[in-house]
Amino acid sequence: MNKFWTVAGFTMKNKMKGKSFLITTLIFVLVLSLGSNLPYIISLFDKDNGKATNVGYAIDARTVEGTKIAEQLRATYAGLEKPAIKMVEFPDAGSTEANEKELKKAIAEKKIKGYLLFGPADATGMPSIAYKSEKLNDHNTTQSLQQTIQIVKTDMILKDSGLTAEQRTMLVTPVTLDVMQIAATDGAGGVGNGKTEDQRGVDMGFVTFLLLLLFFGIMVSGQMIASEITAEKSSRVMEIIITSVSPLTQMFGKIFGIFVVSLTQMVAYVVVVFINISLPHNDSAFQQYNIDLTKVDPLLLVYGLLFYVMGFLLYASLFAAVGSIVSRTEDLGQAVMPITLLSLAGFYITTFSISAPDTMLVKVTSFIPFFSPFVMLLRVGLANPPFWQVIVSFGILLVSIYAAGWLSAKIYRTGVLLYGKRPSWKELRKAMKAYKI
């Protein structure tokens, strides 16, 4: 046991003191800090943040209906406490073309951001309306205008209907629909039961963050293990080490050491993100984009940690086994490609299913051990899987970790002393029969 801790301790010290580890960690810390402060940074460049957008219109005697609607819009926005738009009136220049020329001039002089043009009325008495602006995608302004014009149109139609002002207000007030996730049966025990739409929106962003950490953590740490073992073989250091430490102690000691290093990195990243989002200037920035991190389900952190640990152990064992049968570091990339593709498949399934986390593909792959660390985390965070399915997924993953560890131990014990070309599966299986784990 002392030799195991010696190998683990040496691996941890060797990796944590390495320049590549320090530089990589620093780069990720900077990227995460930038991402955590991104809403605030965007708000700094948004000079019109919190201000009403000026939209111009011209009083045109040729479009009486359009002028009435524009004036109604102006009155409606003026009556709001925090209007998103301020309607700016321009006098009639004599013709529709001259009016538009003046409105374009106002945009050039930064007096308005865009303007409304009204055409002839149709059979319903509603004129055609066009909003023109220099921005290609001005969704906030166009959406606000569209909603308010609809309100004005409805109010104009109801004005002569004989209804009181109170009845008209009740009629045009939009219905509020609270969307909440539930379990269909009392015994289902859904993990995500009771989440509101806002909570699910925040969870979606948080799950994406956890999946990225899980994927990069597994990939980086797995490559660390495989490359270190291959480097020891290629430099013949393995022949010296194996005389004092058994191959199994080496393998599991290295896996545990890299696990501590990788977990330390992940904790550091989470702490960096937490510190950055807790800064005072981020409160208003997150509120502006309707992001409330207090709505994150704490169970997600627990599940995220559990799936990270088990996913790491599964893939680390496979990376260690592959690293032991490769004699040259130049051949390592090709050798670990199948394992890399497996982890990529799990990550891509979650990436393309994040908007539909309850499809049959997601349900099936959440029980396949190579994919379940990614996919079941997605289901727990965004869907409502029954608790028994989560337990079954955990059970299958644990059995797979044991099987992968057993197989990898046999391959490692055989492969560390095989030099030259990479052995075939037939040669490897023959050599493995000589050892019992």
Protein backbone atom coordinates (compact mmCIF):
# COMPACT_ATOMS: atom_id res chain seq x y z
CA MET A 1 0.00 0.00 0.00
CA ASN A 2 2.90 2.35 0.72
CA LYS A 3 4.14 1.84 -2.84
CA PHE A 4 0.69 2.74 -4.18
CA TRP A 5 0.74 6.09 -2.33
CA THR A 6 4.33 6.65 -3.44
CA VAL A 7 3.36 6.22 -7.11
CA ALA A 8 0.23 8.37 -6.65
CA GLY A 9 2.16 11.10 -4.82
CA PHE A 10 4.96 11.15 -7.39
CA THR A 11 2.42 11.37 -10.24
CA MET A 12 0.59 14.26 -8.57
CA LYS A 13 3.77 16.24 -7.87
CA ASN A 14 5.18 15.57 -11.33
CA LYS A 15 2.01 16.77 -13.09
CA MET A 16 1.23 19.76 -10.89
CA LYS A 17 4.74 21.13 -11.26
CA GLY A 18 4.80 20.68 -15.02
CA LYS A 19 4.72 23.79 -17.20
CA SER A 20 2.06 22.36 -19.49
CA PHE A 21 -0.29 21.76 -16.54
CA LEU A 22 0.22 25.26 -15.13
CA ILE A 23 -0.16 26.98 -18.51
CA THR A 24 -3.27 24.96 -19.44
CA THR A 25 -4.88 25.64 -16.06
CA LEU A 26 -4.11 29.36 -16.32
CA ILE A 27 -5.59 29.55 -19.83
CA PHE A 28 -8.80 27.82 -18.72
CA VAL A 29 -9.04 30.09 -15.67
CA LEU A 30 -8.79 33.15 -17.91
CA VAL A 31 -11.36 31.77 -20.36
CA LEU A 32 -13.81 30.91 -17.55
CA SER A 33 -13.30 34.32 -15.95
CA LEU A 34 -14.02 35.98 -19.29
CA GLY A 35 -17.12 33.83 -19.83
CA SER A 36 -18.45 34.50 -16.31
CA ASN A 37 -18.13 38.25 -16.85
CA LEU A 38 -19.41 38.17 -20.44
CA PRO A 39 -22.89 39.65 -19.67
CA TYR A 40 -21.21 42.56 -17.85
CA ILE A 41 -18.67 43.06 -20.65
CA ILE A 42 -21.49 43.12 -23.21
CA SER A 43 -23.35 45.69 -21.12
CA LEU A 44 -20.25 47.93 -21.13
CA PHE A 45 -20.24 48.04 -24.91
CA ASP A 46 -23.99 48.52 -25.09
CA LYS A 47 -24.19 52.30 -24.80
CA ASP A 48 -27.97 52.27 -25.05
CA ASN A 49 -28.40 49.76 -22.24
CA GLY A 50 -31.53 50.64 -20.26
CA LYS A 51 -32.44 53.53 -22.57
CA ALA A 52 -35.48 53.71 -24.80
CA THR A 53 -34.86 53.26 -28.52
CA ASN A 54 -35.88 56.30 -30.58
CA VAL A 55 -38.15 55.35 -33.47
CA GLY A 56 -39.24 58.07 -35.86
CA TYR A 57 -42.40 58.57 -37.89
CA ALA A 58 -43.68 61.37 -40.10
CA ILE A 59 -47.12 62.96 -39.98
CA ASP A 60 -48.27 62.17 -43.48
CA ALA A 61 -51.61 63.50 -44.74
CA ARG A 62 -51.61 60.77 -47.40
CA THR A 63 -51.77 57.98 -44.78
CA VAL A 64 -54.27 59.17 -42.18
CA GLU A 65 -54.75 55.69 -40.68
CA GLY A 66 -50.98 55.27 -40.30
CA THR A 67 -50.61 58.62 -38.56
CA LYS A 68 -53.37 57.66 -36.11
CA ILE A 69 -51.61 54.40 -35.27
CA ALA A 70 -48.26 56.19 -34.83
CA GLU A 71 -49.83 58.69 -32.43
CA GLN A 72 -51.49 55.87 -30.51
CA LEU A 73 -48.13 54.12 -30.29
CA ARG A 74 -46.55 57.29 -28.98
CA ALA A 75 -49.23 57.67 -26.30
CA THR A 76 -49.00 53.99 -25.32
CA TYR A 77 -45.23 54.02 -24.88
CA ALA A 78 -45.35 57.37 -23.05
CA GLY A 79 -47.71 55.84 -20.52
CA LEU A 80 -45.29 53.05 -19.59
CA GLU A 81 -42.97 53.36 -16.58
CA LYS A 82 -39.92 52.05 -18.46
CA PRO A 83 -40.72 52.19 -22.18
CA ALA A 84 -38.50 50.22 -24.53
CA ILE A 85 -39.25 52.63 -27.37
CA LYS A 86 -39.74 56.37 -27.67
CA MET A 87 -41.71 57.52 -30.69
CA VAL A 88 -40.25 60.67 -32.29
CA GLU A 89 -42.55 62.77 -34.49
CA PHE A 90 -41.35 64.50 -37.69
CA PRO A 91 -43.39 67.07 -39.69
CA ASP A 92 -44.76 66.31 -43.12
CA ALA A 93 -42.14 67.19 -45.77
CA GLY A 94 -44.68 67.28 -48.61
CA SER A 95 -44.45 63.73 -49.99
CA THR A 96 -43.82 60.18 -48.81
CA GLU A 97 -40.41 60.15 -50.51
CA ALA A 98 -39.42 63.46 -48.88
CA ASN A 99 -40.58 62.18 -45.49
CA GLU A 100 -38.43 59.07 -45.81
CA LYS A 101 -35.46 61.18 -46.85
CA GLU A 102 -35.80 63.26 -43.69
CA LEU A 103 -36.13 60.13 -41.54
CA LYS A 104 -32.96 58.66 -43.10
CA LYS A 105 -31.19 61.93 -42.37
CA ALA A 106 -32.30 61.66 -38.73
CA ILE A 107 -30.77 58.16 -38.53
CA ALA A 108 -27.50 59.47 -39.94
CA GLU A 109 -27.52 62.24 -37.32
CA LYS A 110 -28.13 59.64 -34.55
CA LYS A 111 -31.46 61.19 -33.59
CA ILE A 112 -33.35 57.94 -34.14
CA LYS A 113 -32.45 54.26 -34.58
CA GLY A 114 -35.12 53.53 -37.16
CA TYR A 115 -38.44 54.71 -38.49
CA LEU A 116 -41.94 53.50 -39.36
CA LEU A 117 -43.48 53.93 -42.81
CA PHE A 118 -47.21 53.49 -43.36
CA GLY A 119 -48.85 52.45 -46.61
CA PRO A 120 -52.45 52.41 -47.81
CA ALA A 121 -55.11 50.69 -45.71
CA ASP A 122 -56.41 47.22 -46.61
CA ALA A 123 -59.99 45.90 -46.43
CA THR A 124 -59.84 45.76 -42.64
CA GLY A 125 -58.84 49.43 -42.43
CA MET A 126 -55.32 48.56 -41.25
CA PRO A 127 -52.47 50.20 -43.20
CA SER A 128 -49.32 48.32 -44.19
CA ILE A 129 -46.48 49.04 -41.77
CA ALA A 130 -42.73 48.77 -42.36
CA TYR A 131 -39.93 49.34 -39.86
CA LYS A 132 -36.62 50.37 -41.41
CA SER A 133 -33.29 50.43 -39.58
CA GLU A 134 -29.55 50.08 -40.23
CA LYS A 135 -29.43 47.01 -37.97
CA LEU A 136 -29.91 43.68 -39.70
CA ASN A 137 -31.37 41.87 -36.68
CA ASP A 138 -33.06 44.33 -34.34
CA HIS A 139 -35.28 41.73 -32.68
CA ASN A 140 -35.99 43.59 -29.43
CA THR A 141 -37.28 46.71 -31.19
CA THR A 142 -39.29 44.89 -33.85
CA GLN A 143 -40.85 42.54 -31.30
CA SER A 144 -41.84 45.44 -29.04
CA LEU A 145 -43.32 47.37 -31.98
CA GLN A 146 -45.24 44.34 -33.21
CA GLN A 147 -46.76 43.63 -29.81
CA THR A 148 -47.68 47.27 -29.18
CA ILE A 149 -49.18 47.74 -32.66
CA GLN A 150 -51.32 44.66 -32.00
CA ILE A 151 -52.53 46.23 -28.76
CA VAL A 152 -53.28 49.52 -30.52
CA LYS A 153 -55.15 47.72 -33.31
CA THR A 154 -57.26 45.76 -30.82
CA ASP A 155 -58.01 48.91 -28.83
CA MET A 156 -59.08 50.78 -31.98
CA ILE A 157 -61.44 47.94 -32.96
CA LEU A 158 -62.93 47.69 -29.46
CA LYS A 159 -63.31 51.44 -29.05
CA ASP A 160 -66.71 51.49 -30.78
CA SER A 161 -67.85 48.13 -29.44
CA GLY A 162 -69.73 49.55 -26.47
CA LEU A 163 -67.42 47.93 -23.91
CA THR A 164 -66.23 49.91 -20.92
CA ALA A 165 -62.55 50.82 -20.51
CA GLU A 166 -62.25 48.22 -17.76
CA GLN A 167 -63.71 45.49 -19.98
CA ARG A 168 -61.40 46.44 -22.84
CA THR A 169 -58.42 46.24 -20.49
CA MET A 170 -59.49 42.80 -19.28
CA LEU A 171 -59.90 41.64 -22.86
CA VAL A 172 -56.45 42.67 -24.07
CA THR A 173 -54.56 41.62 -20.93
CA PRO A 174 -52.48 38.56 -21.90
CA VAL A 175 -53.05 35.27 -20.09
CA THR A 176 -50.21 34.08 -17.86
CA LEU A 177 -49.41 30.39 -18.19
CA ASP A 178 -47.10 28.90 -15.54
CA VAL A 179 -45.15 25.98 -17.00
CA MET A 180 -43.90 23.41 -14.48
CA GLN A 181 -42.32 19.99 -14.84
CA ILE A 182 -44.00 17.17 -12.89
CA ALA A 183 -43.90 13.39 -12.52
CA ALA A 184 -46.87 11.72 -14.22
CA THR A 185 -47.29 9.14 -11.44
CA ASP A 186 -46.81 9.43 -7.70
CA GLY A 187 -44.36 6.53 -7.62
CA ALA A 188 -42.17 7.76 -10.45
CA GLY A 189 -39.89 9.72 -8.16
CA GLY A 190 -38.68 11.99 -10.90
CA VAL A 191 -35.38 13.72 -10.16
CA GLY A 192 -36.36 16.96 -11.92
CA ASN A 193 -39.92 17.04 -10.57
CA GLY A 194 -41.35 20.47 -9.75
CA LYS A 195 -39.03 22.66 -11.87
CA THR A 196 -40.45 25.85 -13.35
CA GLU A 197 -39.61 27.12 -16.84
CA ASP A 198 -37.13 29.67 -15.42
CA GLN A 199 -35.41 26.98 -13.37
CA ARG A 200 -35.12 24.71 -16.40
CA GLY A 201 -33.64 27.57 -18.41
CA VAL A 202 -30.94 28.16 -15.79
CA ASP A 203 -30.38 24.40 -15.46
CA MET A 204 -29.83 24.15 -19.22
CA GLY A 205 -26.93 26.58 -19.05
CA PHE A 206 -25.54 24.93 -15.93
CA VAL A 207 -25.81 21.41 -17.41
CA THR A 208 -23.97 22.62 -20.52
CA PHE A 209 -21.19 23.94 -18.29
CA LEU A 210 -20.98 20.63 -16.37
CA LEU A 211 -20.92 18.58 -19.58
CA LEU A 212 -18.04 20.66 -20.93
CA LEU A 213 -16.09 20.20 -17.69
CA LEU A 214 -16.83 16.46 -17.74
CA PHE A 215 -15.78 16.01 -21.35
CA PHE A 216 -12.57 18.03 -21.18
CA GLY A 217 -11.73 16.56 -17.76
CA ILE A 218 -12.00 13.00 -19.06
CA MET A 219 -10.17 13.72 -22.30
CA VAL A 220 -7.29 15.68 -20.78
CA SER A 221 -6.76 13.34 -17.83
CA GLY A 222 -7.02 10.24 -20.03
CA GLN A 223 -4.41 11.60 -22.41
CA MET A 224 -2.19 12.41 -19.41
CA ILE A 225 -2.31 8.81 -18.19
CA ALA A 226 -1.73 7.24 -21.60
CA SER A 227 1.10 9.60 -22.58
CA GLU A 228 2.93 9.20 -19.25
CA ILE A 229 2.85 5.40 -19.46
CA THR A 230 3.95 5.41 -23.10
CA ALA A 231 6.75 7.89 -22.35
CA GLU A 232 8.06 5.62 -19.56
CA LYS A 233 8.01 2.67 -21.93
CA SER A 234 9.73 4.47 -24.79
CA SER A 235 12.49 5.75 -22.50
CA ARG A 236 12.95 2.29 -20.90
CA VAL A 237 12.32 3.77 -17.46
CA MET A 238 9.51 1.21 -17.10
CA GLU A 239 12.06 -1.62 -16.87
CA ILE A 240 13.61 0.03 -13.79
CA ILE A 241 10.31 0.92 -12.14
CA ILE A 242 8.81 -2.54 -12.56
CA THR A 243 11.63 -4.13 -10.51
CA SER A 244 10.47 -2.30 -7.38
CA VAL A 245 6.76 -1.66 -7.99
CA SER A 246 4.27 -4.17 -9.41
CA PRO A 247 2.49 -3.23 -12.67
CA LEU A 248 -0.92 -3.14 -10.97
CA THR A 249 0.32 -0.79 -8.26
CA GLN A 250 1.79 1.43 -10.97
CA MET A 251 -1.42 1.50 -12.99
CA PHE A 252 -3.86 2.25 -10.19
CA GLY A 253 -1.40 4.60 -8.50
CA LYS A 254 -1.08 6.62 -11.70
CA ILE A 255 -4.85 6.63 -12.22
CA PHE A 256 -5.47 7.84 -8.68
CA GLY A 257 -2.74 10.48 -8.93
CA ILE A 258 -4.07 11.86 -12.20
CA PHE A 259 -7.60 11.73 -10.74
CA VAL A 260 -6.55 13.98 -7.85
CA VAL A 261 -4.82 16.35 -10.29
CA SER A 262 -7.86 16.45 -12.59
CA LEU A 263 -10.30 16.88 -9.70
CA THR A 264 -8.15 19.70 -8.33
CA GLN A 265 -8.38 21.39 -11.72
CA MET A 266 -12.16 20.98 -11.86
CA VAL A 267 -12.61 22.35 -8.32
CA ALA A 268 -10.37 25.29 -9.19
CA TYR A 269 -12.46 26.03 -12.27
CA VAL A 270 -15.73 25.86 -10.31
CA VAL A 271 -14.30 28.16 -7.62
CA VAL A 272 -13.11 30.65 -10.26
CA VAL A 273 -16.56 30.71 -11.88
CA PHE A 274 -18.29 31.08 -8.49
CA ILE A 275 -16.03 33.95 -7.45
CA ASN A 276 -16.54 35.76 -10.75
CA ILE A 277 -20.32 35.45 -10.84
CA SER A 278 -20.45 36.62 -7.20
CA LEU A 279 -18.79 39.94 -8.03
CA PRO A 280 -21.12 42.94 -7.43
CA HIS A 281 -21.07 44.18 -11.03
CA ASN A 282 -22.43 40.83 -12.27
CA ASP A 283 -25.68 41.05 -10.28
CA SER A 284 -27.31 43.64 -12.52
CA ALA A 285 -25.75 42.13 -15.65
CA PHE A 286 -27.27 38.70 -14.96
CA GLN A 287 -30.62 40.25 -14.03
CA GLN A 288 -30.66 42.08 -17.35
CA TYR A 289 -30.50 38.72 -19.17
CA ASN A 290 -32.94 37.11 -16.69
CA ILE A 291 -30.28 34.77 -15.28
CA ASP A 292 -30.85 33.80 -11.65
CA LEU A 293 -28.16 31.32 -10.55
CA THR A 294 -29.88 30.79 -7.19
CA LYS A 295 -32.43 28.68 -9.10
CA VAL A 296 -29.81 26.03 -9.95
CA ASP A 297 -30.80 22.69 -8.45
CA PRO A 298 -28.12 21.73 -5.83
CA LEU A 299 -28.60 18.06 -6.75
CA LEU A 300 -27.05 18.83 -10.12
CA LEU A 301 -23.72 19.48 -8.41
CA VAL A 302 -23.93 16.14 -6.60
CA TYR A 303 -24.83 14.23 -9.75
CA GLY A 304 -22.21 16.12 -11.71
CA LEU A 305 -19.49 15.07 -9.24
CA LEU A 306 -20.64 11.44 -9.17
CA PHE A 307 -20.78 11.12 -12.95
CA TYR A 308 -17.41 12.85 -13.26
CA VAL A 309 -15.76 10.38 -10.84
CA MET A 310 -17.27 7.31 -12.50
CA GLY A 311 -16.73 8.56 -16.03
CA PHE A 312 -13.12 9.32 -15.19
CA LEU A 313 -12.49 5.85 -13.69
CA LEU A 314 -14.03 4.10 -16.70
CA TYR A 315 -12.12 6.02 -19.36
CA ALA A 316 -8.89 6.31 -17.33
CA SER A 317 -8.66 2.50 -17.09
CA LEU A 318 -9.03 2.18 -20.85
CA PHE A 319 -6.51 4.93 -21.57
CA ALA A 320 -4.01 3.27 -19.21
CA ALA A 321 -4.45 -0.09 -20.95
CA VAL A 322 -3.94 1.41 -24.41
CA GLY A 323 -0.94 3.43 -23.23
CA SER A 324 0.72 0.26 -21.91
CA ILE A 325 0.72 -1.51 -25.29
CA VAL A 326 2.17 1.43 -27.25
CA SER A 327 5.97 1.70 -27.33
CA ARG A 328 6.31 5.05 -29.07
CA THR A 329 4.56 8.31 -28.22
CA GLU A 330 4.17 8.96 -31.97
CA ASP A 331 1.73 6.02 -32.20
CA LEU A 332 -0.32 7.02 -29.15
CA GLY A 333 -2.77 9.30 -30.96
CA GLN A 334 -3.84 6.55 -33.35
CA ALA A 335 -4.05 3.97 -30.57
CA VAL A 336 -6.39 6.00 -28.33
CA MET A 337 -8.59 7.11 -31.24
CA PRO A 338 -11.36 4.53 -30.54
CA ILE A 339 -11.65 5.66 -26.91
CA THR A 340 -11.62 9.29 -27.98
CA LEU A 341 -14.44 8.60 -30.46
CA LEU A 342 -16.51 6.94 -27.72
CA SER A 343 -16.24 9.97 -25.45
CA LEU A 344 -16.94 12.29 -28.40
CA ALA A 345 -20.06 10.28 -29.26
CA GLY A 346 -21.38 10.66 -25.70
CA PHE A 347 -20.67 14.38 -25.72
CA TYR A 348 -22.27 14.95 -29.13
CA ILE A 349 -25.40 13.01 -28.18
CA THR A 350 -25.93 15.41 -25.29
CA THR A 351 -25.02 18.46 -27.39
CA PHE A 352 -27.58 17.70 -30.11
CA SER A 353 -30.23 16.53 -27.62
CA ILE A 354 -30.04 19.39 -25.14
CA SER A 355 -33.27 20.90 -26.50
CA ALA A 356 -35.01 17.47 -26.54
CA PRO A 357 -33.64 15.50 -23.54
CA ASP A 358 -36.43 12.90 -23.53
CA THR A 359 -35.99 11.26 -26.95
CA MET A 360 -35.60 7.50 -27.31
CA LEU A 361 -31.92 7.93 -28.29
CA VAL A 362 -31.22 9.78 -25.04
CA LYS A 363 -33.14 7.24 -22.93
CA VAL A 364 -31.32 4.25 -24.45
CA THR A 365 -27.81 5.73 -24.39
CA SER A 366 -28.25 6.85 -20.75
CA PHE A 367 -27.83 3.14 -19.82
CA ILE A 368 -24.80 2.49 -22.07
CA PRO A 369 -21.76 2.92 -19.77
CA PHE A 370 -19.54 4.75 -22.29
CA PHE A 371 -22.26 7.37 -22.81
CA SER A 372 -24.17 7.39 -19.51
CA PRO A 373 -21.84 9.83 -17.64
CA PHE A 374 -22.83 12.44 -20.22
CA VAL A 375 -26.36 11.45 -21.19
CA MET A 376 -27.80 10.60 -17.76
CA LEU A 377 -26.44 13.90 -16.44
CA LEU A 378 -28.37 15.59 -19.25
CA ARG A 379 -31.57 13.72 -18.32
CA VAL A 380 -31.21 14.48 -14.63
CA GLY A 381 -30.66 18.16 -15.31
CA LEU A 382 -33.25 18.81 -18.03
CA ALA A 383 -35.67 15.89 -18.16
CA ASN A 384 -37.53 14.06 -15.40
CA PRO A 385 -36.17 10.49 -15.28
CA PRO A 386 -37.61 8.14 -12.64
CA PHE A 387 -35.21 7.63 -9.76
CA TRP A 388 -34.95 3.88 -10.43
CA GLN A 389 -33.56 4.60 -13.91
CA VAL A 390 -30.82 6.78 -12.41
CA ILE A 391 -29.95 3.99 -9.95
CA VAL A 392 -29.89 1.37 -12.73
CA SER A 393 -27.62 3.61 -14.81
CA PHE A 394 -25.28 4.03 -11.83
CA GLY A 395 -25.28 0.26 -11.26
CA ILE A 396 -24.42 -0.55 -14.88
CA LEU A 397 -21.68 2.06 -14.81
CA LEU A 398 -20.16 0.64 -11.61
CA VAL A 399 -20.14 -2.90 -13.04
CA SER A 400 -18.55 -1.56 -16.24
CA ILE A 401 -15.86 0.26 -14.25
CA TYR A 402 -15.02 -3.00 -12.44
CA ALA A 403 -14.90 -4.94 -15.73
CA ALA A 404 -12.83 -2.25 -17.46
CA GLY A 405 -10.45 -2.10 -14.47
CA TRP A 406 -10.02 -5.88 -14.47
CA LEU A 407 -9.41 -6.05 -18.23
CA SER A 408 -7.14 -3.02 -18.23
CA ALA A 409 -5.11 -4.46 -15.35
CA LYS A 410 -4.46 -7.66 -17.33
CA ILE A 411 -3.55 -5.71 -20.47
CA TYR A 412 -1.33 -3.32 -18.50
CA ARG A 413 0.51 -6.11 -16.71
CA THR A 414 1.24 -7.74 -20.05
CA GLY A 415 1.72 -4.68 -22.23
CA VAL A 416 4.26 -2.73 -20.17
CA LEU A 417 7.00 -5.22 -21.07
CA LEU A 418 6.04 -5.67 -24.73
CA TYR A 419 8.25 -3.56 -26.98
CA GLY A 420 8.52 -3.10 -30.70
CA LYS A 421 5.43 -3.02 -32.87
CA ARG A 422 2.03 -2.80 -31.22
CA PRO A 423 0.88 -6.37 -30.40
CA SER A 424 -2.19 -7.80 -32.08
CA TRP A 425 -5.22 -8.81 -30.00
CA LYS A 426 -4.32 -12.47 -30.58
CA GLU A 427 -0.79 -11.97 -29.26
CA LEU A 428 -2.04 -9.87 -26.37
CA ARG A 429 -4.69 -12.42 -25.39
CA LYS A 430 -2.11 -15.20 -25.44
CA ALA A 431 0.24 -13.23 -23.20
CA MET A 432 -2.60 -12.25 -20.82
CA LYS A 433 -3.42 -15.91 -20.14
CA ALA A 434 -0.13 -16.23 -18.30
CA TYR A 435 -1.28 -13.76 -15.61
CA LYS A 436 -4.20 -13.92 -13.26
CA ILE A 437 -5.65 -10.79 -11.67
